[in-house]
Each structure stands twice: as structure tokens, then as C-alpha cells.
Protein backbone atom coordinates (compact mmCIF):
# COMPACT_ATOMS: atom_id res chain seq x y z
CA MET A 1 0.00 0.00 0.00
CA SER A 2 1.28 3.44 -0.90
CA THR A 3 2.01 5.93 1.85
CA ASP A 4 0.85 8.87 -0.29
CA PRO A 5 -2.38 10.12 1.32
CA PHE A 6 -4.11 10.76 -2.01
CA ALA A 7 -3.17 7.29 -3.32
CA ILE A 8 -4.72 5.85 -0.16
CA ALA A 9 -7.83 7.98 -0.79
CA ASP A 10 -8.03 6.65 -4.36
CA ALA A 11 -7.78 3.06 -3.04
CA PHE A 12 -10.52 3.82 -0.52
CA ASN A 13 -12.82 5.22 -3.19
CA ALA A 14 -12.14 2.19 -5.40
CA ALA A 15 -13.09 -0.09 -2.48
CA ILE A 16 -16.37 1.80 -2.08
CA LYS A 17 -17.15 1.52 -5.78
CA ALA A 18 -16.26 -2.21 -5.67
CA ARG A 19 -18.46 -2.59 -2.57
CA SER A 20 -15.68 -4.54 -0.86
CA GLU A 21 -15.41 -4.72 2.91
CA ALA A 22 -12.11 -6.59 2.54
CA GLN A 23 -10.62 -3.81 0.41
CA LEU A 24 -11.84 -1.18 2.87
CA THR A 25 -10.26 -3.03 5.79
CA ALA A 26 -6.97 -3.26 3.87
CA VAL A 27 -6.98 0.47 3.12
CA TYR A 28 -7.61 1.70 6.66
CA ALA A 29 -4.80 1.83 9.22
CA ASP A 30 -5.53 -0.19 12.36
CA ASP A 31 -5.89 3.02 14.35
CA ALA A 32 -7.82 5.01 11.72
CA VAL A 33 -10.34 7.55 12.99
CA ILE A 34 -13.25 8.27 10.65
CA TRP A 35 -15.52 11.26 11.19
CA ASN A 36 -19.17 10.56 10.41
CA ASN A 37 -20.98 13.77 9.61
CA ALA A 38 -24.41 12.11 9.91
CA THR A 39 -23.82 11.01 13.51
CA GLN A 40 -21.36 13.78 14.42
CA GLN A 41 -19.07 11.15 15.95
CA ASP A 42 -15.72 9.49 15.33
CA MET A 43 -15.75 5.86 14.21
CA THR A 44 -13.11 3.15 14.39
CA ARG A 45 -12.05 1.19 11.32
CA ALA A 46 -14.21 -1.77 12.36
CA GLU A 47 -17.26 0.41 13.01
CA ASN A 48 -16.96 2.21 9.69
CA VAL A 49 -16.42 -0.97 7.66
CA ALA A 50 -19.47 -2.52 9.37
CA VAL A 51 -21.65 0.49 8.55
CA LEU A 52 -20.45 0.58 4.95
CA GLY A 53 -21.03 -3.18 4.69
CA GLN A 54 -24.66 -2.59 5.68
CA VAL A 55 -24.92 0.13 3.03
CA PHE A 56 -23.47 -2.28 0.45
CA ARG A 57 -26.17 -4.85 1.28
CA ILE A 58 -29.08 -2.43 0.82
CA SER A 59 -27.87 -0.59 -2.28
CA SER A 60 -27.04 -1.55 -5.83
CA GLU A 61 -24.44 1.11 -6.65
CA LEU A 62 -22.29 3.51 -4.69
CA GLU A 63 -20.06 6.32 -5.78
CA TYR A 64 -18.50 9.40 -4.24
CA VAL A 65 -19.09 12.63 -6.13
CA ASP A 66 -18.01 16.21 -5.47
CA VAL A 67 -14.85 14.85 -3.84
CA ARG A 68 -12.62 17.40 -2.11
CA ARG A 69 -9.35 16.41 -0.46
CA HIS A 70 -6.91 18.29 1.71
CA ARG A 71 -3.56 17.11 2.99
CA ILE A 72 -3.06 17.40 6.74
CA ASP A 73 -0.20 16.34 9.01
CA GLY A 74 -0.25 12.56 9.04
CA GLY A 75 -2.88 12.05 6.36
CA PHE A 76 -5.74 13.75 4.60
CA VAL A 77 -9.33 14.91 4.96
CA GLN A 78 -11.85 13.97 2.29
CA MET A 79 -15.27 15.49 1.91
CA HIS A 80 -17.75 13.98 -0.54
CA LYS A 81 -21.32 13.13 -1.34
CA LEU A 82 -22.27 9.47 -1.43
CA VAL A 83 -24.71 8.68 -4.24
């Protein structure tokens, strides 16, 4: 796995489009912290993969649009719309 934050973001988005919990788990660091705007809370890797797995099971297609990324110390922030 690349250490470039934007390459990691691309791999994450590809995992979403592929609807793959295994790919998502491989992309996230063990100690990843994911902000969920809908719940206004941080999520762990396991929590986020579980939620996205539920979304995969009730939807036929997923894609991020209007993607905006910003580099920060130690990683990146991505904002997007899920459609």
C-alpha cells in the first residue's frame, strides 16, 4: 500500500465503488479515525467498515461525487457526497 495520502484515498474510493469490505479493511490503518458527519461522531475502522457493509447490502451502486481532499499532518481529509 502506498504511503501517499491521495493514493490511499483513491484506493478507498475504489473499495467503495467495488463494494468490498475486505478492500476497505486493507486500506484503513488499524488506528484510523473516521468522522461521520451524519452522527457527528468518530468511528473506528471496524465500526466504519461494518456500517459501509450494511450500506453495500441495501444498495445496488455507490459512488462518491463532489470529492474534495486536503492534505493534513499525518494524512488527509476527504469530503464527498455518497450517491
